[in-house]
Amino acid sequence: MLQAELFEQIINNISDGVYFVDKELRISFWNTAAEEITGYTAGEVMGQRCSENILSHIDAAGRPLCLVGCPLHETMDDGKRRRSEVFLKHKNGYRLPVFINVFPIYENGAIIGAVEVFNSQAPIVSQSNLVEQLSVMAMHDELTELPNRRYLQSFLEYRLSEFKRFNVPFAVLFMDIDNFRDFNNTYGHEIGDIVLKRVAKTVRKATRKSDMFGRWGGEEFLGVYAAKNEDEVPAIAEKLRILISHTQIPHGDAPPLSVTVSVGITMVRLDDTDESLIERADKLMYISKQNGKNRVTMD
């Protein structure tokens, strides 16, 4: 007991921020320096998972590391120590460059968690707007402002890795706007762009923080959704289909245009790869098209 108290006293009096995570990436320790550097108290972060994106680490290219390249997650996978410079988001909103050291925690020869040690000795503080702009440009579609294909692919790979390591299930949704060519050919590409923007805005407001929905390409969209079991999956897809079917597209003095979508959705399986998941959801979407459009097909 005395050793544990001495250890905690020492680690709370060093100038580097230190936090521990368990195998599920839940924060189990947060020292005093971590509070001072980030603005977050231990009470605000203890018990939360890194994937909840508290510090929102990004690298110099704007990649959101908590979602697509978490050093803690990778270190627990391969047992290797990692060092790098990242930008964390302070509680007050600005970006702070920090140097991090990540290493695994072992017990009886098995990795049971990881530690991140970080300090803010970098000479500058980056204003949030500039770094956020770089992140948005790298990972988001310019027209719809949704995550782009690159971001979606990285997030899907992360969730698949999380599923195979921690058995955290999820569903993949593939969606296509019905008769989109008619919007462009009949009303012009400007209306086609408005359709894409309205669909994106409708879905963005209905997307939880734990999920991701983005533009895959053209009039196709992909979503990755947390789902405990298959019973939850139809409701996820039907909610989006219904919301979009009630979305109206202004068209001059004429009555507003309506838009519908065809959707395929599927739960992750043990033998899945990111390619097999996307292919299965895509095929299910085409079944919805063949069966009359404006509907959901699940497998």
C-alpha atoms as a PDB file:
ATOM      1  CA  MET A   1       0.000   0.000   0.000  1.00  0.00           C
ATOM      2  CA  LEU A   2       2.800   2.383   0.934  1.00  0.00           C
ATOM      3  CA  GLN A   3       4.620   1.572  -2.318  1.00  0.00           C
ATOM      4  CA  ALA A   4       1.505   2.342  -4.350  1.00  0.00           C
ATOM      5  CA  GLU A   5       1.017   5.633  -2.518  1.00  0.00           C
ATOM      6  CA  LEU A   6       4.691   6.560  -3.014  1.00  0.00           C
ATOM      7  CA  PHE A   7       4.482   5.699  -6.711  1.00  0.00           C
ATOM      8  CA  GLU A   8       1.376   7.880  -7.157  1.00  0.00           C
ATOM      9  CA  GLN A   9       2.991  10.737  -5.228  1.00  0.00           C
ATOM     10  CA  ILE A  10       6.084  10.624  -7.427  1.00  0.00           C
ATOM     11  CA  ILE A  11       4.191  10.434 -10.703  1.00  0.00           C
ATOM     12  CA  ASN A  12       1.930  13.312  -9.648  1.00  0.00           C
ATOM     13  CA  ASN A  13       4.935  15.536  -9.017  1.00  0.00           C
ATOM     14  CA  ILE A  14       6.728  15.166 -12.335  1.00  0.00           C
ATOM     15  CA  SER A  15       6.320  17.792 -15.051  1.00  0.00           C
ATOM     16  CA  ASP A  16       5.283  15.339 -17.794  1.00  0.00           C
ATOM     17  CA  GLY A  17       1.672  14.373 -18.343  1.00  0.00           C
ATOM     18  CA  VAL A  18       1.081  10.664 -17.741  1.00  0.00           C
ATOM     19  CA  TYR A  19      -1.964   8.512 -18.287  1.00  0.00           C
ATOM     20  CA  PHE A  20      -2.667   4.780 -18.331  1.00  0.00           C
ATOM     21  CA  VAL A  21      -5.209   2.883 -20.420  1.00  0.00           C
ATOM     22  CA  ASP A  22      -6.436  -0.676 -20.016  1.00  0.00           C
ATOM     23  CA  LYS A  23      -6.902  -3.222 -22.813  1.00  0.00           C
ATOM     24  CA  GLU A  24     -10.177  -1.594 -23.811  1.00  0.00           C
ATOM     25  CA  LEU A  25      -8.426   1.795 -24.052  1.00  0.00           C
ATOM     26  CA  ARG A  26     -10.233   3.130 -20.983  1.00  0.00           C
ATOM     27  CA  ILE A  27      -8.244   5.746 -19.072  1.00  0.00           C
ATOM     28  CA  SER A  28      -7.412   4.381 -15.616  1.00  0.00           C
ATOM     29  CA  PHE A  29      -4.924   6.998 -14.391  1.00  0.00           C
ATOM     30  CA  TRP A  30      -4.420  10.711 -15.131  1.00  0.00           C
ATOM     31  CA  ASN A  31      -1.713  12.587 -13.286  1.00  0.00           C
ATOM     32  CA  THR A  32      -1.552  16.199 -12.101  1.00  0.00           C
ATOM     33  CA  ALA A  33       0.647  17.352 -15.000  1.00  0.00           C
ATOM     34  CA  ALA A  34      -1.830  15.873 -17.482  1.00  0.00           C
ATOM     35  CA  GLU A  35      -4.503  18.038 -15.856  1.00  0.00           C
ATOM     36  CA  GLU A  36      -2.303  21.137 -16.098  1.00  0.00           C
ATOM     37  CA  ILE A  37      -1.243  20.560 -19.735  1.00  0.00           C
ATOM     38  CA  THR A  38      -4.662  19.646 -21.139  1.00  0.00           C
ATOM     39  CA  GLY A  39      -7.080  21.526 -18.883  1.00  0.00           C
ATOM     40  CA  TYR A  40      -9.011  18.298 -18.192  1.00  0.00           C
ATOM     41  CA  THR A  41      -9.263  17.059 -14.619  1.00  0.00           C
ATOM     42  CA  ALA A  42      -8.866  13.397 -13.751  1.00  0.00           C
ATOM     43  CA  GLY A  43     -12.555  13.273 -12.885  1.00  0.00           C
ATOM     44  CA  GLU A  44     -13.478  14.359 -16.419  1.00  0.00           C
ATOM     45  CA  VAL A  45     -11.474  11.671 -18.211  1.00  0.00           C
ATOM     46  CA  MET A  46     -11.111   8.672 -15.869  1.00  0.00           C
ATOM     47  CA  GLY A  47     -13.128   5.709 -17.124  1.00  0.00           C
ATOM     48  CA  GLN A  48     -13.552   7.165 -20.621  1.00  0.00           C
ATOM     49  CA  ARG A  49     -12.200   5.460 -23.718  1.00  0.00           C
ATOM     50  CA  CYS A  50      -9.634   7.047 -26.004  1.00  0.00           C
ATOM     51  CA  SER A  51     -11.966   6.453 -28.949  1.00  0.00           C
ATOM     52  CA  GLU A  52     -14.349   8.942 -27.348  1.00  0.00           C
ATOM     53  CA  ASN A  53     -11.798  11.413 -28.622  1.00  0.00           C
ATOM     54  CA  ILE A  54     -11.277  13.542 -25.527  1.00  0.00           C
ATOM     55  CA  LEU A  55      -7.948  15.051 -26.582  1.00  0.00           C
ATOM     56  CA  SER A  56      -8.622  14.577 -30.307  1.00  0.00           C
ATOM     57  CA  HIS A  57      -4.969  13.915 -31.168  1.00  0.00           C
ATOM     58  CA  ILE A  58      -4.078  14.690 -34.777  1.00  0.00           C
ATOM     59  CA  ASP A  59      -0.756  14.470 -36.573  1.00  0.00           C
ATOM     60  CA  ALA A  60       0.891  17.144 -38.729  1.00  0.00           C
ATOM     61  CA  ALA A  61      -1.122  15.954 -41.757  1.00  0.00           C
ATOM     62  CA  GLY A  62      -4.393  16.436 -39.894  1.00  0.00           C
ATOM     63  CA  ARG A  63      -5.177  12.724 -39.434  1.00  0.00           C
ATOM     64  CA  PRO A  64      -7.382  12.124 -36.353  1.00  0.00           C
ATOM     65  CA  LEU A  65      -5.193   9.590 -34.534  1.00  0.00           C
ATOM     66  CA  CYS A  66      -7.794   8.654 -31.937  1.00  0.00           C
ATOM     67  CA  LEU A  67      -9.832   7.183 -34.796  1.00  0.00           C
ATOM     68  CA  VAL A  68      -7.419   6.031 -37.484  1.00  0.00           C
ATOM     69  CA  GLY A  69      -3.953   5.501 -36.024  1.00  0.00           C
ATOM     70  CA  CYS A  70      -3.956   5.433 -32.225  1.00  0.00           C
ATOM     71  CA  PRO A  71      -0.366   4.891 -30.930  1.00  0.00           C
ATOM     72  CA  LEU A  72      -1.721   3.316 -27.728  1.00  0.00           C
ATOM     73  CA  HIS A  73      -3.788   0.830 -29.717  1.00  0.00           C
ATOM     74  CA  GLU A  74      -0.854  -0.030 -31.997  1.00  0.00           C
ATOM     75  CA  THR A  75       1.537  -0.450 -29.066  1.00  0.00           C
ATOM     76  CA  MET A  76      -0.819  -2.883 -27.370  1.00  0.00           C
ATOM     77  CA  ASP A  77      -1.020  -4.804 -30.643  1.00  0.00           C
ATOM     78  CA  ASP A  78       2.707  -5.245 -31.231  1.00  0.00           C
ATOM     79  CA  GLY A  79       4.353  -4.372 -27.896  1.00  0.00           C
ATOM     80  CA  LYS A  80       6.600  -1.724 -29.486  1.00  0.00           C
ATOM     81  CA  ARG A  81       7.417   1.613 -27.894  1.00  0.00           C
ATOM     82  CA  ARG A  82       6.439   4.680 -29.933  1.00  0.00           C
ATOM     83  CA  ARG A  83       7.578   8.297 -29.964  1.00  0.00           C
ATOM     84  CA  SER A  84       6.115  11.118 -32.008  1.00  0.00           C
ATOM     85  CA  GLU A  85       4.901  14.704 -32.018  1.00  0.00           C
ATOM     86  CA  VAL A  86       1.143  15.201 -32.128  1.00  0.00           C
ATOM     87  CA  PHE A  87      -1.343  18.023 -31.610  1.00  0.00           C
ATOM     88  CA  LEU A  88      -3.841  17.617 -28.791  1.00  0.00           C
ATOM     89  CA  LYS A  89      -6.908  19.760 -28.281  1.00  0.00           C
ATOM     90  CA  HIS A  90      -6.815  21.672 -24.995  1.00  0.00           C
ATOM     91  CA  LYS A  91     -10.076  21.914 -23.071  1.00  0.00           C
ATOM     92  CA  ASN A  92     -10.180  25.616 -24.003  1.00  0.00           C
ATOM     93  CA  GLY A  93     -10.222  24.758 -27.721  1.00  0.00           C
ATOM     94  CA  TYR A  94      -6.738  25.548 -29.017  1.00  0.00           C
ATOM     95  CA  ARG A  95      -4.275  23.000 -30.423  1.00  0.00           C
ATOM     96  CA  LEU A  96      -1.153  22.233 -28.438  1.00  0.00           C
ATOM     97  CA  PRO A  97       1.869  20.408 -29.932  1.00  0.00           C
ATOM     98  CA  VAL A  98       3.160  17.741 -27.551  1.00  0.00           C
ATOM     99  CA  PHE A  99       5.838  15.064 -27.688  1.00  0.00           C
ATOM    100  CA  ILE A 100       4.529  11.650 -26.677  1.00  0.00           C
ATOM    101  CA  ASN A 101       6.152   8.418 -25.552  1.00  0.00           C
ATOM    102  CA  VAL A 102       3.973   5.321 -25.541  1.00  0.00           C
ATOM    103  CA  PHE A 103       4.934   1.950 -24.106  1.00  0.00           C
ATOM    104  CA  PRO A 104       3.077  -1.226 -23.099  1.00  0.00           C
ATOM    105  CA  ILE A 105       2.235  -2.432 -19.587  1.00  0.00           C
ATOM    106  CA  TYR A 106       2.910  -6.115 -18.942  1.00  0.00           C
ATOM    107  CA  GLU A 107       1.610  -8.495 -16.302  1.00  0.00           C
ATOM    108  CA  ASN A 108       2.797 -12.122 -16.207  1.00  0.00           C
ATOM    109  CA  GLY A 109       4.204 -11.697 -19.711  1.00  0.00           C
ATOM    110  CA  ALA A 110       0.943 -10.435 -21.247  1.00  0.00           C
ATOM    111  CA  ILE A 111       0.127  -6.868 -22.321  1.00  0.00           C
ATOM    112  CA  ILE A 112      -2.655  -5.524 -20.093  1.00  0.00           C
ATOM    113  CA  GLY A 113      -2.577  -1.875 -21.117  1.00  0.00           C
ATOM    114  CA  ALA A 114      -0.358   1.018 -22.169  1.00  0.00           C
ATOM    115  CA  VAL A 115       1.083   4.271 -20.844  1.00  0.00           C
ATOM    116  CA  GLU A 116       1.416   7.605 -22.623  1.00  0.00           C
ATOM    117  CA  VAL A 117       3.881  10.175 -21.304  1.00  0.00           C
ATOM    118  CA  PHE A 118       3.668  13.614 -22.920  1.00  0.00           C
ATOM    119  CA  ASN A 119       5.050  17.109 -22.491  1.00  0.00           C
ATOM    120  CA  SER A 120       4.356  20.503 -24.008  1.00  0.00           C
ATOM    121  CA  GLN A 121       7.921  21.728 -24.444  1.00  0.00           C
ATOM    122  CA  ALA A 122       7.304  22.525 -28.107  1.00  0.00           C
ATOM    123  CA  PRO A 123       7.859  26.259 -28.653  1.00  0.00           C
ATOM    124  CA  ILE A 124       4.505  27.230 -30.175  1.00  0.00           C
ATOM    125  CA  VAL A 125       0.827  26.854 -29.543  1.00  0.00           C
ATOM    126  CA  SER A 126      -1.199  26.365 -32.718  1.00  0.00           C
ATOM    127  CA  GLN A 127      -4.489  28.167 -32.990  1.00  0.00           C
ATOM    128  CA  SER A 128      -7.344  25.742 -33.373  1.00  0.00           C
ATOM    129  CA  ASN A 129      -8.760  27.216 -36.591  1.00  0.00           C
ATOM    130  CA  LEU A 130      -5.628  26.666 -38.710  1.00  0.00           C
ATOM    131  CA  VAL A 131      -5.007  23.096 -37.604  1.00  0.00           C
ATOM    132  CA  GLU A 132      -8.682  22.214 -37.863  1.00  0.00           C
ATOM    133  CA  GLN A 133      -8.774  23.592 -41.417  1.00  0.00           C
ATOM    134  CA  LEU A 134      -5.864  21.354 -42.387  1.00  0.00           C
ATOM    135  CA  SER A 135      -7.604  18.371 -40.827  1.00  0.00           C
ATOM    136  CA  VAL A 136     -10.872  19.094 -42.624  1.00  0.00           C
ATOM    137  CA  MET A 137      -9.111  19.519 -45.976  1.00  0.00           C
ATOM    138  CA  ALA A 138      -7.263  16.224 -45.636  1.00  0.00           C
ATOM    139  CA  MET A 139     -10.129  14.090 -44.380  1.00  0.00           C
ATOM    140  CA  HIS A 140     -13.386  15.630 -45.618  1.00  0.00           C
ATOM    141  CA  ASP A 141     -15.245  15.966 -48.901  1.00  0.00           C
ATOM    142  CA  GLU A 142     -15.263  19.580 -50.062  1.00  0.00           C
ATOM    143  CA  LEU A 143     -18.840  19.655 -51.375  1.00  0.00           C
ATOM    144  CA  THR A 144     -20.737  17.878 -48.594  1.00  0.00           C
ATOM    145  CA  GLU A 145     -18.271  18.524 -45.733  1.00  0.00           C
ATOM    146  CA  LEU A 146     -18.685  14.860 -44.774  1.00  0.00           C
ATOM    147  CA  PRO A 147     -15.769  12.502 -44.112  1.00  0.00           C
ATOM    148  CA  ASN A 148     -14.230  11.482 -47.425  1.00  0.00           C
ATOM    149  CA  ARG A 149     -13.390   8.020 -48.728  1.00  0.00           C
ATOM    150  CA  ARG A 150      -9.900   8.074 -47.241  1.00  0.00           C
ATOM    151  CA  TYR A 151     -11.231   8.954 -43.797  1.00  0.00           C
ATOM    152  CA  LEU A 152     -14.010   6.353 -44.013  1.00  0.00           C
ATOM    153  CA  GLN A 153     -11.566   3.646 -45.076  1.00  0.00           C
ATOM    154  CA  SER A 154      -9.248   4.416 -42.164  1.00  0.00           C
ATOM    155  CA  PHE A 155     -12.105   4.517 -39.658  1.00  0.00           C
ATOM    156  CA  LEU A 156     -13.505   1.217 -40.943  1.00  0.00           C
ATOM    157  CA  GLU A 157     -10.093  -0.428 -40.606  1.00  0.00           C
ATOM    158  CA  TYR A 158      -9.865   0.877 -37.046  1.00  0.00           C
ATOM    159  CA  ARG A 159     -13.326  -0.429 -36.113  1.00  0.00           C
ATOM    160  CA  LEU A 160     -12.557  -3.794 -37.688  1.00  0.00           C
ATOM    161  CA  SER A 161      -9.348  -4.026 -35.669  1.00  0.00           C
ATOM    162  CA  GLU A 162     -11.279  -3.042 -32.541  1.00  0.00           C
ATOM    163  CA  PHE A 163     -13.888  -5.731 -33.275  1.00  0.00           C
ATOM    164  CA  LYS A 164     -11.301  -8.481 -33.704  1.00  0.00           C
ATOM    165  CA  ARG A 165      -9.362  -7.416 -30.623  1.00  0.00           C
ATOM    166  CA  PHE A 166     -12.136  -6.395 -28.203  1.00  0.00           C
ATOM    167  CA  ASN A 167     -15.254  -7.890 -29.862  1.00  0.00           C
ATOM    168  CA  VAL A 168     -16.940  -4.480 -30.234  1.00  0.00           C
ATOM    169  CA  PRO A 169     -19.608  -5.059 -32.932  1.00  0.00           C
ATOM    170  CA  PHE A 170     -20.674  -2.583 -35.592  1.00  0.00           C
ATOM    171  CA  ALA A 171     -22.635  -2.324 -38.823  1.00  0.00           C
ATOM    172  CA  VAL A 172     -21.715  -0.996 -42.261  1.00  0.00           C
ATOM    173  CA  LEU A 173     -24.292   0.877 -44.334  1.00  0.00           C
ATOM    174  CA  PHE A 174     -24.037   1.577 -48.070  1.00  0.00           C
ATOM    175  CA  MET A 175     -26.437   4.133 -49.523  1.00  0.00           C
ATOM    176  CA  ASP A 176     -27.110   5.451 -53.026  1.00  0.00           C
ATOM    177  CA  ILE A 177     -29.377   8.347 -54.024  1.00  0.00           C
ATOM    178  CA  ASP A 178     -32.177   7.096 -56.257  1.00  0.00           C
ATOM    179  CA  ASN A 179     -32.391   8.494 -59.805  1.00  0.00           C
ATOM    180  CA  PHE A 180     -29.571  10.930 -59.157  1.00  0.00           C
ATOM    181  CA  ARG A 181     -28.735  11.143 -62.858  1.00  0.00           C
ATOM    182  CA  ASP A 182     -32.212  12.525 -63.479  1.00  0.00           C
ATOM    183  CA  PHE A 183     -31.563  15.433 -61.093  1.00  0.00           C
ATOM    184  CA  ASN A 184     -28.455  16.378 -63.059  1.00  0.00           C
ATOM    185  CA  ASN A 185     -29.905  15.785 -66.536  1.00  0.00           C
ATOM    186  CA  THR A 186     -33.304  17.390 -65.915  1.00  0.00           C
ATOM    187  CA  TYR A 187     -32.537  20.217 -63.503  1.00  0.00           C
ATOM    188  CA  GLY A 188     -28.786  20.740 -63.919  1.00  0.00           C
ATOM    189  CA  HIS A 189     -25.679  19.952 -61.907  1.00  0.00           C
ATOM    190  CA  GLU A 190     -26.312  22.837 -59.527  1.00  0.00           C
ATOM    191  CA  ILE A 191     -29.469  21.080 -58.318  1.00  0.00           C
ATOM    192  CA  GLY A 192     -27.530  17.810 -58.188  1.00  0.00           C
ATOM    193  CA  ASP A 193     -25.015  19.462 -55.866  1.00  0.00           C
ATOM    194  CA  ILE A 194     -27.828  20.800 -53.671  1.00  0.00           C
ATOM    195  CA  VAL A 195     -29.276  17.290 -53.424  1.00  0.00           C
ATOM    196  CA  LEU A 196     -25.925  15.955 -52.209  1.00  0.00           C
ATOM    197  CA  LYS A 197     -25.578  18.787 -49.693  1.00  0.00           C
ATOM    198  CA  ARG A 198     -29.125  18.369 -48.336  1.00  0.00           C
ATOM    199  CA  VAL A 199     -28.750  14.618 -47.927  1.00  0.00           C
ATOM    200  CA  ALA A 200     -25.407  15.146 -46.184  1.00  0.00           C
ATOM    201  CA  LYS A 201     -26.847  17.754 -43.815  1.00  0.00           C
ATOM    202  CA  THR A 202     -29.859  15.594 -42.970  1.00  0.00           C
ATOM    203  CA  VAL A 203     -27.731  12.570 -42.096  1.00  0.00           C
ATOM    204  CA  ARG A 204     -25.015  14.559 -40.319  1.00  0.00           C
ATOM    205  CA  LYS A 205     -27.534  15.837 -37.777  1.00  0.00           C
ATOM    206  CA  ALA A 206     -28.695  12.280 -37.102  1.00  0.00           C
ATOM    207  CA  THR A 207     -25.212  10.765 -36.689  1.00  0.00           C
ATOM    208  CA  ARG A 208     -23.925   9.927 -33.208  1.00  0.00           C
ATOM    209  CA  LYS A 209     -20.379  10.711 -32.075  1.00  0.00           C
ATOM    210  CA  SER A 210     -19.585   6.994 -31.986  1.00  0.00           C
ATOM    211  CA  ASP A 211     -20.527   6.583 -35.662  1.00  0.00           C
ATOM    212  CA  MET A 212     -19.245   7.890 -38.969  1.00  0.00           C
ATOM    213  CA  PHE A 213     -21.119   8.656 -42.180  1.00  0.00           C
ATOM    214  CA  GLY A 214     -19.402  10.026 -45.242  1.00  0.00           C
ATOM    215  CA  ARG A 215     -19.329  10.379 -49.009  1.00  0.00           C
ATOM    216  CA  TRP A 216     -17.866   7.322 -50.701  1.00  0.00           C
ATOM    217  CA  GLY A 217     -17.982   8.826 -54.194  1.00  0.00           C
ATOM    218  CA  GLY A 218     -20.490  10.362 -56.608  1.00  0.00           C
ATOM    219  CA  GLU A 219     -23.943   9.849 -55.112  1.00  0.00           C
ATOM    220  CA  GLU A 220     -22.799   6.952 -52.908  1.00  0.00           C
ATOM    221  CA  PHE A 221     -22.394   7.173 -49.135  1.00  0.00           C
ATOM    222  CA  LEU A 222     -20.978   4.844 -46.502  1.00  0.00           C
ATOM    223  CA  GLY A 223     -21.770   4.679 -42.796  1.00  0.00           C
ATOM    224  CA  VAL A 224     -20.106   2.800 -39.937  1.00  0.00           C
ATOM    225  CA  TYR A 225     -22.444   2.440 -36.957  1.00  0.00           C
ATOM    226  CA  ALA A 226     -22.087   1.045 -33.445  1.00  0.00           C
ATOM    227  CA  ALA A 227     -24.632  -1.756 -32.967  1.00  0.00           C
ATOM    228  CA  LYS A 228     -24.808  -4.256 -30.125  1.00  0.00           C
ATOM    229  CA  ASN A 229     -26.703  -6.841 -32.156  1.00  0.00           C
ATOM    230  CA  GLU A 230     -28.628  -7.387 -35.388  1.00  0.00           C
ATOM    231  CA  ASP A 231     -31.910  -6.244 -33.804  1.00  0.00           C
ATOM    232  CA  GLU A 232     -30.611  -2.652 -33.747  1.00  0.00           C
ATOM    233  CA  VAL A 233     -29.478  -2.594 -37.357  1.00  0.00           C
ATOM    234  CA  PRO A 234     -32.756  -2.180 -39.304  1.00  0.00           C
ATOM    235  CA  ALA A 235     -33.736   0.847 -37.197  1.00  0.00           C
ATOM    236  CA  ILE A 236     -30.434   2.591 -38.011  1.00  0.00           C
ATOM    237  CA  ALA A 237     -30.995   2.308 -41.750  1.00  0.00           C
ATOM    238  CA  GLU A 238     -34.751   2.978 -41.696  1.00  0.00           C
ATOM    239  CA  LYS A 239     -34.265   6.158 -39.689  1.00  0.00           C
ATOM    240  CA  LEU A 240     -31.930   7.569 -42.344  1.00  0.00           C
ATOM    241  CA  ARG A 241     -34.139   6.447 -45.239  1.00  0.00           C
ATOM    242  CA  ILE A 242     -37.214   8.091 -43.716  1.00  0.00           C
ATOM    243  CA  LEU A 243     -35.418  11.314 -42.812  1.00  0.00           C
ATOM    244  CA  ILE A 244     -34.046  11.655 -46.341  1.00  0.00           C
ATOM    245  CA  SER A 245     -37.408  10.887 -47.947  1.00  0.00           C
ATOM    246  CA  HIS A 246     -38.807  13.912 -46.087  1.00  0.00           C
ATOM    247  CA  THR A 247     -35.982  16.179 -47.275  1.00  0.00           C
ATOM    248  CA  GLN A 248     -37.086  18.817 -49.796  1.00  0.00           C
ATOM    249  CA  ILE A 249     -34.960  20.391 -52.526  1.00  0.00           C
ATOM    250  CA  PRO A 250     -35.960  23.948 -53.529  1.00  0.00           C
ATOM    251  CA  HIS A 251     -36.378  24.499 -57.264  1.00  0.00           C
ATOM    252  CA  GLY A 252     -37.217  28.104 -58.094  1.00  0.00           C
ATOM    253  CA  ASP A 253     -40.950  28.849 -58.062  1.00  0.00           C
ATOM    254  CA  ALA A 254     -41.832  25.206 -58.754  1.00  0.00           C
ATOM    255  CA  PRO A 255     -42.828  22.810 -55.973  1.00  0.00           C
ATOM    256  CA  PRO A 256     -39.762  21.465 -54.107  1.00  0.00           C
ATOM    257  CA  LEU A 257     -38.208  18.236 -55.303  1.00  0.00           C
ATOM    258  CA  SER A 258     -38.069  15.133 -53.141  1.00  0.00           C
ATOM    259  CA  VAL A 259     -35.258  12.630 -52.868  1.00  0.00           C
ATOM    260  CA  THR A 260     -35.098   8.968 -51.840  1.00  0.00           C
ATOM    261  CA  VAL A 261     -32.278   6.514 -51.236  1.00  0.00           C
ATOM    262  CA  SER A 262     -31.653   2.798 -51.515  1.00  0.00           C
ATOM    263  CA  VAL A 263     -29.773   1.274 -48.608  1.00  0.00           C
ATOM    264  CA  GLY A 264     -27.887  -1.913 -47.811  1.00  0.00           C
ATOM    265  CA  ILE A 265     -26.700  -2.633 -44.283  1.00  0.00           C
ATOM    266  CA  THR A 266     -24.877  -5.536 -42.650  1.00  0.00           C
ATOM    267  CA  MET A 267     -23.271  -6.494 -39.339  1.00  0.00           C
ATOM    268  CA  VAL A 268     -19.562  -7.267 -39.128  1.00  0.00           C
ATOM    269  CA  ARG A 269     -18.596 -10.966 -39.074  1.00  0.00           C
ATOM    270  CA  LEU A 270     -15.550 -12.732 -37.672  1.00  0.00           C
ATOM    271  CA  ASP A 271     -14.087 -13.526 -41.095  1.00  0.00           C
ATOM    272  CA  ASP A 272     -14.698 -10.068 -42.559  1.00  0.00           C
ATOM    273  CA  THR A 273     -12.153  -7.740 -44.100  1.00  0.00           C
ATOM    274  CA  ASP A 274     -12.889  -4.115 -44.878  1.00  0.00           C
ATOM    275  CA  GLU A 275     -13.283  -5.111 -48.541  1.00  0.00           C
ATOM    276  CA  SER A 276     -15.766  -7.911 -47.802  1.00  0.00           C
ATOM    277  CA  LEU A 277     -17.860  -5.668 -45.565  1.00  0.00           C
ATOM    278  CA  ILE A 278     -18.118  -2.907 -48.145  1.00  0.00           C
ATOM    279  CA  GLU A 279     -18.810  -5.376 -50.968  1.00  0.00           C
ATOM    280  CA  ARG A 280     -21.617  -7.062 -48.989  1.00  0.00           C
ATOM    281  CA  ALA A 281     -23.268  -3.765 -48.050  1.00  0.00           C
ATOM    282  CA  ASP A 282     -22.938  -2.572 -51.671  1.00  0.00           C
ATOM    283  CA  LYS A 283     -24.639  -5.712 -53.023  1.00  0.00           C
ATOM    284  CA  LEU A 284     -27.466  -5.316 -50.508  1.00  0.00           C
ATOM    285  CA  MET A 285     -27.944  -1.742 -51.677  1.00  0.00           C
ATOM    286  CA  TYR A 286     -28.314  -2.948 -55.273  1.00  0.00           C
ATOM    287  CA  ILE A 287     -30.946  -5.456 -54.134  1.00  0.00           C
ATOM    288  CA  SER A 288     -32.880  -2.489 -52.725  1.00  0.00           C
ATOM    289  CA  LYS A 289     -32.570  -0.815 -56.145  1.00  0.00           C
ATOM    290  CA  GLN A 290     -33.819  -3.903 -57.952  1.00  0.00           C
ATOM    291  CA  ASN A 291     -36.774  -4.268 -55.594  1.00  0.00           C
ATOM    292  CA  GLY A 292     -38.156  -0.790 -56.278  1.00  0.00           C
ATOM    293  CA  LYS A 293     -35.762   1.683 -54.613  1.00  0.00           C
ATOM    294  CA  ASN A 294     -36.458   3.784 -51.504  1.00  0.00           C
ATOM    295  CA  ARG A 295     -35.968   0.784 -49.259  1.00  0.00           C
ATOM    296  CA  VAL A 296     -33.509  -1.005 -46.961  1.00  0.00           C
ATOM    297  CA  THR A 297     -32.070  -4.481 -47.442  1.00  0.00           C
ATOM    298  CA  MET A 298     -30.195  -6.196 -44.613  1.00  0.00           C
ATOM    299  CA  ASP A 299     -28.177  -9.388 -44.289  1.00  0.00           C
END
